[in-house]
N, C-alpha and C. Protein backbone atom coordinates (compact mmCIF):
# COMPACT_ATOMS: atom_id res chain seq x y z
N MET A 1 17.65 -0.83 -16.76
CA MET A 1 18.38 -1.92 -16.22
C MET A 1 17.81 -2.33 -14.86
N PHE A 2 17.37 -1.33 -14.09
CA PHE A 2 16.80 -1.65 -12.78
C PHE A 2 15.54 -2.49 -12.91
N HIS A 3 14.69 -2.16 -13.90
CA HIS A 3 13.46 -2.92 -14.09
C HIS A 3 13.76 -4.35 -14.52
N PHE A 4 14.87 -4.56 -15.16
CA PHE A 4 15.24 -5.92 -15.56
C PHE A 4 15.81 -6.70 -14.39
N LEU A 5 16.65 -6.06 -13.56
CA LEU A 5 17.32 -6.77 -12.47
C LEU A 5 16.48 -6.90 -11.21
N SER A 6 15.48 -6.03 -11.02
CA SER A 6 14.71 -6.08 -9.78
C SER A 6 13.95 -7.39 -9.56
N PRO A 7 13.38 -8.06 -10.57
CA PRO A 7 12.74 -9.35 -10.28
C PRO A 7 13.73 -10.40 -9.78
N PHE A 8 14.94 -10.39 -10.31
CA PHE A 8 15.94 -11.34 -9.83
C PHE A 8 16.35 -11.02 -8.40
N LEU A 9 16.48 -9.74 -8.09
CA LEU A 9 16.80 -9.34 -6.73
C LEU A 9 15.69 -9.74 -5.77
N LEU A 10 14.44 -9.58 -6.20
CA LEU A 10 13.32 -9.99 -5.38
C LEU A 10 13.31 -11.49 -5.18
N ALA A 11 13.65 -12.27 -6.19
CA ALA A 11 13.70 -13.72 -6.05
C ALA A 11 14.77 -14.13 -5.04
N VAL A 12 15.93 -13.46 -5.08
CA VAL A 12 16.99 -13.77 -4.12
C VAL A 12 16.54 -13.42 -2.70
N LEU A 13 15.90 -12.26 -2.55
CA LEU A 13 15.40 -11.88 -1.23
C LEU A 13 14.33 -12.85 -0.73
N PHE A 14 13.50 -13.34 -1.63
CA PHE A 14 12.48 -14.32 -1.25
C PHE A 14 13.12 -15.61 -0.75
N VAL A 15 14.13 -16.08 -1.45
CA VAL A 15 14.82 -17.32 -1.04
C VAL A 15 15.51 -17.10 0.31
N LEU A 16 16.16 -15.95 0.49
CA LEU A 16 16.80 -15.66 1.78
C LEU A 16 15.76 -15.59 2.91
N HIS A 17 14.60 -15.03 2.61
CA HIS A 17 13.54 -14.96 3.61
C HIS A 17 13.07 -16.36 4.00
N VAL A 18 12.87 -17.23 3.02
CA VAL A 18 12.42 -18.58 3.33
C VAL A 18 13.48 -19.34 4.11
N ILE A 19 14.75 -19.16 3.76
CA ILE A 19 15.83 -19.82 4.50
C ILE A 19 15.87 -19.31 5.93
N TYR A 20 15.78 -18.01 6.10
CA TYR A 20 15.81 -17.44 7.45
C TYR A 20 14.60 -17.89 8.26
N LEU A 21 13.44 -17.92 7.63
CA LEU A 21 12.23 -18.38 8.31
C LEU A 21 12.35 -19.85 8.69
N HIS A 22 12.99 -20.63 7.84
CA HIS A 22 13.16 -22.06 8.13
C HIS A 22 14.13 -22.27 9.29
N GLU A 23 15.17 -21.44 9.36
CA GLU A 23 16.18 -21.60 10.41
C GLU A 23 15.67 -21.12 11.77
N THR A 24 15.07 -19.95 11.82
CA THR A 24 14.71 -19.36 13.11
C THR A 24 13.24 -19.53 13.46
N GLY A 25 12.40 -19.76 12.49
CA GLY A 25 10.97 -19.87 12.76
C GLY A 25 10.34 -18.49 12.80
N SER A 26 9.04 -18.46 12.88
CA SER A 26 8.33 -17.19 12.93
C SER A 26 7.93 -16.89 14.36
N GLY A 27 7.69 -15.63 14.65
CA GLY A 27 7.31 -15.23 16.00
C GLY A 27 5.82 -15.06 16.11
N ASN A 28 5.40 -14.58 17.26
CA ASN A 28 3.99 -14.28 17.47
C ASN A 28 3.89 -12.88 18.06
N PRO A 29 2.69 -12.29 18.11
CA PRO A 29 2.56 -10.90 18.58
C PRO A 29 2.98 -10.71 20.03
N LEU A 30 2.89 -11.75 20.86
CA LEU A 30 3.25 -11.60 22.26
C LEU A 30 4.75 -11.68 22.48
N GLY A 31 5.48 -12.24 21.52
CA GLY A 31 6.91 -12.41 21.69
C GLY A 31 7.29 -13.59 22.56
N VAL A 32 6.33 -14.46 22.84
CA VAL A 32 6.56 -15.63 23.69
C VAL A 32 7.02 -16.79 22.82
N SER A 33 7.96 -17.57 23.31
CA SER A 33 8.43 -18.73 22.56
C SER A 33 7.34 -19.80 22.51
N SER A 34 7.08 -20.30 21.32
CA SER A 34 6.04 -21.32 21.16
C SER A 34 6.61 -22.52 20.42
N ASP A 35 7.80 -22.95 20.79
CA ASP A 35 8.44 -24.07 20.12
C ASP A 35 7.69 -25.38 20.33
N ALA A 36 7.00 -25.51 21.46
CA ALA A 36 6.29 -26.76 21.74
C ALA A 36 5.11 -26.96 20.79
N GLU A 37 4.55 -25.87 20.29
CA GLU A 37 3.38 -25.96 19.42
C GLU A 37 3.73 -25.74 17.95
N ALA A 38 5.01 -25.83 17.62
CA ALA A 38 5.45 -25.56 16.25
C ALA A 38 5.02 -26.67 15.30
N VAL A 39 4.73 -26.28 14.07
CA VAL A 39 4.34 -27.22 13.02
C VAL A 39 5.53 -27.33 12.07
N PRO A 40 5.86 -28.53 11.60
CA PRO A 40 6.97 -28.65 10.64
C PRO A 40 6.71 -27.81 9.39
N PHE A 41 7.77 -27.19 8.90
CA PHE A 41 7.62 -26.26 7.78
C PHE A 41 7.29 -26.97 6.48
N HIS A 42 8.00 -28.08 6.20
CA HIS A 42 7.94 -28.66 4.85
C HIS A 42 6.57 -29.15 4.45
N ARG A 43 6.01 -30.03 5.18
CA ARG A 43 4.75 -30.61 4.69
C ARG A 43 3.60 -29.61 4.74
N PHE A 44 3.42 -28.97 5.90
CA PHE A 44 2.24 -28.14 6.09
C PHE A 44 2.33 -26.85 5.28
N TYR A 45 3.36 -26.05 5.51
CA TYR A 45 3.43 -24.73 4.89
C TYR A 45 3.79 -24.80 3.41
N THR A 46 4.57 -25.78 3.01
CA THR A 46 4.91 -25.89 1.59
C THR A 46 3.66 -26.17 0.77
N LEU A 47 2.84 -27.12 1.20
CA LEU A 47 1.61 -27.43 0.45
C LEU A 47 0.62 -26.27 0.53
N LYS A 48 0.53 -25.65 1.69
CA LYS A 48 -0.38 -24.52 1.84
C LYS A 48 0.01 -23.37 0.92
N ASP A 49 1.29 -23.04 0.86
CA ASP A 49 1.76 -21.98 -0.02
C ASP A 49 1.61 -22.36 -1.49
N LEU A 50 1.84 -23.63 -1.80
CA LEU A 50 1.70 -24.08 -3.18
C LEU A 50 0.26 -23.95 -3.66
N VAL A 51 -0.70 -24.27 -2.82
CA VAL A 51 -2.12 -24.11 -3.18
C VAL A 51 -2.43 -22.63 -3.42
N GLY A 52 -1.92 -21.75 -2.56
CA GLY A 52 -2.15 -20.32 -2.74
C GLY A 52 -1.52 -19.80 -4.01
N ILE A 53 -0.32 -20.27 -4.33
CA ILE A 53 0.36 -19.83 -5.55
C ILE A 53 -0.41 -20.29 -6.79
N VAL A 54 -0.91 -21.52 -6.77
CA VAL A 54 -1.66 -22.04 -7.91
C VAL A 54 -2.96 -21.27 -8.10
N ILE A 55 -3.66 -20.97 -7.02
CA ILE A 55 -4.92 -20.23 -7.12
C ILE A 55 -4.66 -18.82 -7.65
N MET A 56 -3.65 -18.14 -7.13
CA MET A 56 -3.35 -16.79 -7.59
C MET A 56 -2.87 -16.78 -9.04
N ALA A 57 -2.09 -17.78 -9.44
CA ALA A 57 -1.62 -17.85 -10.83
C ALA A 57 -2.80 -18.08 -11.78
N ARG A 58 -3.73 -18.93 -11.39
CA ARG A 58 -4.92 -19.15 -12.24
C ARG A 58 -5.76 -17.88 -12.36
N LEU A 59 -5.92 -17.18 -11.24
CA LEU A 59 -6.69 -15.94 -11.28
C LEU A 59 -6.00 -14.90 -12.16
N LEU A 60 -4.69 -14.78 -12.04
CA LEU A 60 -3.94 -13.83 -12.86
C LEU A 60 -4.00 -14.18 -14.34
N ILE A 61 -3.86 -15.45 -14.66
CA ILE A 61 -3.95 -15.88 -16.06
C ILE A 61 -5.35 -15.65 -16.61
N PHE A 62 -6.38 -15.91 -15.80
CA PHE A 62 -7.76 -15.68 -16.23
C PHE A 62 -7.98 -14.20 -16.54
N ILE A 63 -7.51 -13.32 -15.67
CA ILE A 63 -7.70 -11.89 -15.89
C ILE A 63 -6.91 -11.43 -17.12
N CYS A 64 -5.67 -11.91 -17.25
CA CYS A 64 -4.83 -11.47 -18.38
C CYS A 64 -5.36 -11.95 -19.72
N LEU A 65 -5.92 -13.15 -19.77
CA LEU A 65 -6.38 -13.70 -21.05
C LEU A 65 -7.81 -13.34 -21.39
N CYS A 66 -8.68 -13.24 -20.39
CA CYS A 66 -10.10 -12.99 -20.67
C CYS A 66 -10.49 -11.52 -20.54
N PHE A 67 -9.91 -10.80 -19.58
CA PHE A 67 -10.25 -9.40 -19.35
C PHE A 67 -8.98 -8.56 -19.24
N PRO A 68 -8.23 -8.37 -20.32
CA PRO A 68 -6.95 -7.65 -20.21
C PRO A 68 -7.10 -6.17 -19.87
N ASP A 69 -8.25 -5.58 -20.14
CA ASP A 69 -8.43 -4.16 -19.86
C ASP A 69 -9.30 -3.92 -18.63
N LEU A 70 -9.36 -4.87 -17.72
CA LEU A 70 -10.22 -4.77 -16.55
C LEU A 70 -9.83 -3.60 -15.65
N PHE A 71 -8.54 -3.39 -15.43
CA PHE A 71 -8.07 -2.35 -14.52
C PHE A 71 -7.64 -1.08 -15.25
N SER A 72 -7.92 -0.97 -16.53
CA SER A 72 -7.54 0.22 -17.30
C SER A 72 -8.62 1.28 -17.19
N ASP A 73 -8.22 2.51 -17.42
CA ASP A 73 -9.15 3.62 -17.42
C ASP A 73 -9.82 3.66 -18.80
N PRO A 74 -11.16 3.80 -18.86
CA PRO A 74 -11.84 3.83 -20.16
C PRO A 74 -11.40 4.99 -21.05
N VAL A 75 -10.87 6.05 -20.45
CA VAL A 75 -10.42 7.21 -21.23
C VAL A 75 -9.25 6.83 -22.11
N ASN A 76 -8.48 5.83 -21.73
CA ASN A 76 -7.32 5.43 -22.52
C ASN A 76 -7.69 4.85 -23.89
N PHE A 77 -8.95 4.46 -24.07
CA PHE A 77 -9.36 3.85 -25.32
C PHE A 77 -9.94 4.85 -26.31
N ARG A 78 -10.02 6.12 -25.93
CA ARG A 78 -10.49 7.15 -26.86
C ARG A 78 -9.36 7.52 -27.81
N PRO A 79 -9.68 7.82 -29.05
CA PRO A 79 -8.62 8.25 -29.97
C PRO A 79 -8.03 9.59 -29.52
N ALA A 80 -6.75 9.75 -29.71
CA ALA A 80 -6.07 10.98 -29.29
C ALA A 80 -6.44 12.13 -30.20
N ASP A 81 -6.64 13.30 -29.61
CA ASP A 81 -6.93 14.52 -30.35
C ASP A 81 -5.78 15.48 -30.11
N PRO A 82 -4.93 15.75 -31.11
CA PRO A 82 -3.75 16.59 -30.87
C PRO A 82 -4.09 18.06 -30.60
N ILE A 83 -5.32 18.47 -30.87
CA ILE A 83 -5.69 19.87 -30.67
C ILE A 83 -6.25 20.12 -29.27
N LYS A 84 -6.86 19.14 -28.68
CA LYS A 84 -7.56 19.32 -27.41
C LYS A 84 -6.91 18.48 -26.31
N THR A 85 -6.62 19.10 -25.17
CA THR A 85 -6.09 18.39 -24.01
C THR A 85 -7.24 17.68 -23.30
N PRO A 86 -7.05 16.47 -22.85
CA PRO A 86 -8.14 15.79 -22.11
C PRO A 86 -8.51 16.57 -20.85
N THR A 87 -9.80 16.52 -20.52
CA THR A 87 -10.28 17.31 -19.39
C THR A 87 -9.82 16.74 -18.05
N HIS A 88 -9.71 15.46 -17.97
CA HIS A 88 -9.37 14.87 -16.68
C HIS A 88 -8.25 13.84 -16.87
N ILE A 89 -7.03 14.29 -16.63
CA ILE A 89 -5.88 13.40 -16.70
C ILE A 89 -5.61 12.89 -15.30
N GLN A 90 -5.42 11.60 -15.16
CA GLN A 90 -5.13 11.03 -13.85
C GLN A 90 -4.15 9.88 -13.99
N PRO A 91 -3.38 9.61 -12.94
CA PRO A 91 -2.42 8.51 -12.99
C PRO A 91 -3.11 7.17 -12.78
N GLU A 92 -2.33 6.13 -12.70
CA GLU A 92 -2.87 4.80 -12.43
C GLU A 92 -3.46 4.76 -11.01
N TRP A 93 -4.24 3.73 -10.74
CA TRP A 93 -5.00 3.65 -9.49
C TRP A 93 -4.11 3.61 -8.25
N TYR A 94 -2.89 3.11 -8.34
CA TYR A 94 -2.05 2.99 -7.15
C TYR A 94 -1.36 4.29 -6.79
N PHE A 95 -1.43 5.32 -7.64
CA PHE A 95 -0.87 6.63 -7.31
C PHE A 95 -1.96 7.69 -7.16
N LEU A 96 -3.21 7.30 -7.08
CA LEU A 96 -4.29 8.29 -6.99
C LEU A 96 -4.24 9.06 -5.67
N PHE A 97 -3.83 8.42 -4.58
CA PHE A 97 -3.76 9.13 -3.29
C PHE A 97 -2.71 10.24 -3.37
N ALA A 98 -1.57 9.96 -4.00
CA ALA A 98 -0.53 10.97 -4.13
C ALA A 98 -0.96 12.07 -5.10
N TYR A 99 -1.70 11.72 -6.13
CA TYR A 99 -2.19 12.70 -7.09
C TYR A 99 -3.20 13.64 -6.44
N ALA A 100 -4.04 13.11 -5.53
CA ALA A 100 -4.99 13.96 -4.82
C ALA A 100 -4.27 14.96 -3.93
N ILE A 101 -3.15 14.54 -3.33
CA ILE A 101 -2.35 15.45 -2.52
C ILE A 101 -1.66 16.48 -3.40
N LEU A 102 -1.16 16.06 -4.55
CA LEU A 102 -0.43 16.95 -5.46
C LEU A 102 -1.31 18.06 -6.00
N ARG A 103 -2.50 17.74 -6.44
CA ARG A 103 -3.29 18.77 -7.12
C ARG A 103 -3.98 19.72 -6.16
N ARG A 104 -3.91 19.46 -4.87
CA ARG A 104 -4.51 20.38 -3.90
C ARG A 104 -3.56 21.51 -3.53
N VAL A 105 -2.26 21.37 -3.80
CA VAL A 105 -1.26 22.38 -3.43
C VAL A 105 -1.09 23.35 -4.59
N PRO A 106 -1.27 24.67 -4.37
CA PRO A 106 -1.15 25.62 -5.48
C PRO A 106 0.28 25.85 -5.96
N ASN A 107 1.26 25.73 -5.07
CA ASN A 107 2.65 25.95 -5.43
C ASN A 107 3.20 24.68 -6.08
N LYS A 108 3.87 24.80 -7.24
CA LYS A 108 4.36 23.61 -7.94
C LYS A 108 5.43 22.90 -7.16
N LEU A 109 6.39 23.62 -6.61
CA LEU A 109 7.46 22.98 -5.85
C LEU A 109 6.91 22.33 -4.58
N GLY A 110 6.02 23.03 -3.90
CA GLY A 110 5.40 22.45 -2.70
C GLY A 110 4.59 21.21 -3.03
N GLY A 111 3.93 21.22 -4.17
CA GLY A 111 3.16 20.04 -4.58
C GLY A 111 4.05 18.85 -4.88
N VAL A 112 5.17 19.11 -5.56
CA VAL A 112 6.10 18.01 -5.87
C VAL A 112 6.73 17.47 -4.58
N ILE A 113 7.06 18.37 -3.64
CA ILE A 113 7.63 17.91 -2.36
C ILE A 113 6.62 17.07 -1.59
N ARG A 114 5.37 17.52 -1.54
CA ARG A 114 4.35 16.74 -0.83
C ARG A 114 4.05 15.43 -1.55
N LEU A 115 4.09 15.46 -2.87
CA LEU A 115 3.90 14.22 -3.63
C LEU A 115 4.99 13.21 -3.28
N GLY A 116 6.24 13.66 -3.28
CA GLY A 116 7.34 12.76 -2.92
C GLY A 116 7.23 12.29 -1.48
N LEU A 117 6.88 13.19 -0.57
CA LEU A 117 6.75 12.80 0.84
C LEU A 117 5.62 11.81 1.06
N SER A 118 4.53 11.95 0.30
CA SER A 118 3.40 11.05 0.50
C SER A 118 3.76 9.60 0.15
N VAL A 119 4.71 9.42 -0.75
CA VAL A 119 5.14 8.06 -1.11
C VAL A 119 6.29 7.61 -0.23
N VAL A 120 7.27 8.49 -0.02
CA VAL A 120 8.47 8.12 0.76
C VAL A 120 8.13 7.87 2.22
N ILE A 121 7.14 8.57 2.74
CA ILE A 121 6.79 8.44 4.15
C ILE A 121 6.24 7.04 4.47
N LEU A 122 5.75 6.34 3.45
CA LEU A 122 5.27 4.97 3.67
C LEU A 122 6.41 4.04 4.06
N TYR A 123 7.63 4.38 3.67
CA TYR A 123 8.78 3.55 4.03
C TYR A 123 9.24 3.76 5.47
N VAL A 124 8.66 4.74 6.16
CA VAL A 124 9.03 5.03 7.55
C VAL A 124 8.26 4.14 8.52
N ILE A 125 7.13 3.64 8.12
CA ILE A 125 6.26 2.88 9.02
C ILE A 125 6.97 1.70 9.69
N PRO A 126 7.80 0.92 9.02
CA PRO A 126 8.45 -0.20 9.74
C PRO A 126 9.38 0.25 10.86
N PHE A 127 9.83 1.50 10.85
CA PHE A 127 10.74 1.98 11.87
C PHE A 127 10.03 2.68 13.02
N PHE A 128 8.69 2.63 13.04
CA PHE A 128 7.96 3.21 14.16
C PHE A 128 8.31 2.45 15.43
N PRO A 129 8.34 3.12 16.57
CA PRO A 129 8.64 2.40 17.81
C PRO A 129 7.53 1.41 18.14
N LYS A 130 7.92 0.27 18.62
CA LYS A 130 6.96 -0.76 19.00
C LYS A 130 6.55 -0.56 20.45
N GLY A 131 5.35 -0.92 20.78
CA GLY A 131 4.88 -0.82 22.15
C GLY A 131 5.37 -2.02 22.96
N PHE A 132 4.68 -2.28 24.06
CA PHE A 132 5.04 -3.42 24.90
C PHE A 132 4.74 -4.73 24.19
N HIS A 133 3.72 -4.72 23.37
CA HIS A 133 3.36 -5.90 22.58
C HIS A 133 3.80 -5.64 21.15
N ARG A 134 4.01 -6.69 20.39
CA ARG A 134 4.53 -6.53 19.04
C ARG A 134 3.44 -6.20 18.04
N GLY A 135 2.20 -6.43 18.36
CA GLY A 135 1.11 -6.12 17.44
C GLY A 135 0.18 -5.08 18.03
N ILE A 136 -0.72 -4.55 17.19
CA ILE A 136 -1.66 -3.54 17.69
C ILE A 136 -2.98 -4.16 18.10
N GLN A 137 -3.09 -5.50 18.04
CA GLN A 137 -4.38 -6.10 18.36
C GLN A 137 -4.74 -5.96 19.83
N PHE A 138 -3.77 -5.61 20.69
CA PHE A 138 -4.06 -5.43 22.10
C PHE A 138 -4.18 -3.95 22.47
N ASN A 139 -4.12 -3.07 21.48
CA ASN A 139 -4.22 -1.63 21.72
C ASN A 139 -5.41 -1.10 20.92
N PRO A 140 -6.59 -0.96 21.56
CA PRO A 140 -7.78 -0.56 20.80
C PRO A 140 -7.67 0.84 20.19
N LEU A 141 -7.01 1.76 20.88
CA LEU A 141 -6.87 3.11 20.33
C LEU A 141 -6.00 3.12 19.08
N ALA A 142 -4.93 2.32 19.09
CA ALA A 142 -4.08 2.22 17.91
C ALA A 142 -4.83 1.58 16.75
N GLN A 143 -5.71 0.63 17.04
CA GLN A 143 -6.51 0.02 15.98
C GLN A 143 -7.44 1.04 15.34
N VAL A 144 -8.07 1.86 16.18
CA VAL A 144 -8.99 2.88 15.65
C VAL A 144 -8.24 3.86 14.76
N VAL A 145 -7.09 4.32 15.23
CA VAL A 145 -6.30 5.29 14.44
C VAL A 145 -5.82 4.65 13.14
N PHE A 146 -5.40 3.39 13.20
CA PHE A 146 -4.94 2.71 11.99
C PHE A 146 -6.06 2.57 10.97
N TRP A 147 -7.25 2.14 11.40
CA TRP A 147 -8.34 1.97 10.46
C TRP A 147 -8.87 3.31 9.95
N LEU A 148 -8.74 4.38 10.75
CA LEU A 148 -9.07 5.71 10.24
C LEU A 148 -8.09 6.13 9.16
N PHE A 149 -6.81 5.75 9.32
CA PHE A 149 -5.82 6.04 8.29
C PHE A 149 -6.14 5.29 7.00
N ILE A 150 -6.51 4.02 7.12
CA ILE A 150 -6.87 3.24 5.92
C ILE A 150 -8.08 3.86 5.24
N ARG A 151 -9.07 4.28 6.02
CA ARG A 151 -10.25 4.94 5.45
C ARG A 151 -9.85 6.22 4.73
N ASN A 152 -8.97 6.99 5.35
CA ASN A 152 -8.49 8.23 4.74
C ASN A 152 -7.74 7.94 3.44
N PHE A 153 -6.94 6.89 3.43
CA PHE A 153 -6.18 6.50 2.24
C PHE A 153 -7.12 6.14 1.09
N VAL A 154 -8.16 5.38 1.38
CA VAL A 154 -9.14 5.00 0.35
C VAL A 154 -9.89 6.24 -0.15
N LEU A 155 -10.24 7.13 0.76
CA LEU A 155 -10.92 8.36 0.34
C LEU A 155 -10.01 9.23 -0.54
N LEU A 156 -8.74 9.29 -0.21
CA LEU A 156 -7.80 10.05 -1.06
C LEU A 156 -7.71 9.44 -2.45
N ARG A 157 -7.74 8.11 -2.53
CA ARG A 157 -7.72 7.47 -3.86
C ARG A 157 -8.99 7.80 -4.64
N PHE A 158 -10.13 7.83 -3.96
CA PHE A 158 -11.38 8.19 -4.62
C PHE A 158 -11.36 9.64 -5.09
N ILE A 159 -10.86 10.54 -4.24
CA ILE A 159 -10.82 11.96 -4.58
C ILE A 159 -9.84 12.21 -5.72
N GLY A 160 -8.76 11.42 -5.79
CA GLY A 160 -7.81 11.58 -6.88
C GLY A 160 -8.42 11.25 -8.23
N ALA A 161 -9.45 10.41 -8.26
CA ALA A 161 -10.11 10.05 -9.52
C ALA A 161 -11.26 10.99 -9.86
N CYS A 162 -11.69 11.83 -8.92
CA CYS A 162 -12.80 12.74 -9.16
C CYS A 162 -12.31 14.03 -9.82
N PRO A 163 -13.20 14.72 -10.53
CA PRO A 163 -12.79 16.01 -11.11
C PRO A 163 -12.59 17.06 -10.02
N ILE A 164 -11.88 18.13 -10.37
CA ILE A 164 -11.61 19.20 -9.40
C ILE A 164 -12.83 20.11 -9.36
N GLU A 165 -13.73 19.81 -8.46
CA GLU A 165 -14.96 20.59 -8.28
C GLU A 165 -15.15 20.86 -6.79
N PHE A 166 -16.24 21.54 -6.44
CA PHE A 166 -16.42 22.04 -5.08
C PHE A 166 -16.32 20.99 -3.98
N PRO A 167 -17.13 19.98 -3.94
CA PRO A 167 -17.00 19.15 -2.73
C PRO A 167 -15.70 18.35 -2.71
N PHE A 168 -15.21 17.95 -3.86
CA PHE A 168 -14.04 17.06 -3.90
C PHE A 168 -12.75 17.78 -3.54
N ASP A 169 -12.60 19.04 -3.97
CA ASP A 169 -11.34 19.72 -3.65
C ASP A 169 -11.27 20.08 -2.17
N LEU A 170 -12.40 20.41 -1.55
CA LEU A 170 -12.41 20.71 -0.12
C LEU A 170 -12.15 19.45 0.71
N ILE A 171 -12.80 18.36 0.33
CA ILE A 171 -12.57 17.09 1.04
C ILE A 171 -11.12 16.65 0.86
N GLY A 172 -10.57 16.85 -0.34
CA GLY A 172 -9.17 16.50 -0.58
C GLY A 172 -8.22 17.28 0.30
N ALA A 173 -8.54 18.55 0.58
CA ALA A 173 -7.67 19.35 1.44
C ALA A 173 -7.67 18.80 2.86
N TYR A 174 -8.84 18.45 3.39
CA TYR A 174 -8.91 17.89 4.75
C TYR A 174 -8.26 16.51 4.82
N ARG A 175 -8.48 15.70 3.79
CA ARG A 175 -7.89 14.35 3.79
C ARG A 175 -6.37 14.41 3.69
N ARG A 176 -5.85 15.40 2.97
CA ARG A 176 -4.39 15.55 2.85
C ARG A 176 -3.78 15.86 4.20
N VAL A 177 -4.40 16.75 4.96
CA VAL A 177 -3.90 17.08 6.29
C VAL A 177 -3.99 15.87 7.20
N ALA A 178 -5.09 15.13 7.13
CA ALA A 178 -5.25 13.94 7.96
C ALA A 178 -4.23 12.86 7.58
N TYR A 179 -3.88 12.76 6.31
CA TYR A 179 -2.89 11.78 5.86
C TYR A 179 -1.54 12.05 6.51
N PHE A 180 -1.11 13.31 6.51
CA PHE A 180 0.20 13.62 7.07
C PHE A 180 0.17 13.69 8.60
N MET A 181 -0.98 13.87 9.23
CA MET A 181 -1.04 13.90 10.69
C MET A 181 -0.96 12.51 11.30
N PHE A 182 -1.24 11.49 10.51
CA PHE A 182 -1.17 10.13 11.04
C PHE A 182 0.24 9.77 11.50
N TYR A 183 1.23 10.19 10.75
CA TYR A 183 2.61 9.75 11.00
C TYR A 183 3.20 10.28 12.30
N PRO A 184 2.96 11.52 12.73
CA PRO A 184 3.46 11.89 14.05
C PRO A 184 2.61 11.39 15.21
N ILE A 185 1.32 11.13 14.98
CA ILE A 185 0.42 10.73 16.07
C ILE A 185 0.52 9.23 16.37
N TYR A 186 0.59 8.41 15.35
CA TYR A 186 0.50 6.95 15.54
C TYR A 186 1.60 6.36 16.42
N PRO A 187 2.87 6.76 16.32
CA PRO A 187 3.89 6.16 17.21
C PRO A 187 3.63 6.42 18.69
N PHE A 188 3.09 7.60 19.03
CA PHE A 188 2.81 7.89 20.43
C PHE A 188 1.64 7.07 20.95
N ILE A 189 0.66 6.83 20.08
CA ILE A 189 -0.49 6.02 20.50
C ILE A 189 -0.07 4.57 20.71
N CYS A 190 0.86 4.07 19.91
CA CYS A 190 1.30 2.68 20.06
C CYS A 190 2.08 2.46 21.36
N LEU A 191 2.67 3.51 21.90
CA LEU A 191 3.43 3.35 23.15
C LEU A 191 2.54 3.25 24.38
N PHE A 192 1.28 3.67 24.28
CA PHE A 192 0.39 3.61 25.45
C PHE A 192 -0.41 2.33 25.45
């Protein structure tokens, strides 16, 4: 039922967002009022968003109709063998970072807890304390730490797709520690 109702809930939230954005306007990283330089919402942003929606819809339709298996794993197309377990089972690409964290922990309960934390902790980022400025573009150290986190995230996704062998399991252990160390370090860096 949730999978059926969630698109409608998202549509309602989208409409509320557009109404709120239309009423109050958007801000800037400095937090300074820029009403004198405001552009009317309807003509400029409506057409701009409509062009983006049309381009993305065409791209999505092209991928769905011409290359439906573009993002699938080639292992999924092999016939199933009920006697033999596949050598390398992996989740979809968007959970590979969590899978790399899960398979590095020897304890099953600890692995499940870290797997859940690796996904749930992403919801904590909006509640990080803000610095004097609203964006990190004026804080070079915060930018470096953020881009190191993105690099670590991409490496974890790559390691999640690799087999459990010598260089990959050791790199996965270090990347897992670096993934969880970002969350206590980053809020303090943003305050300076």
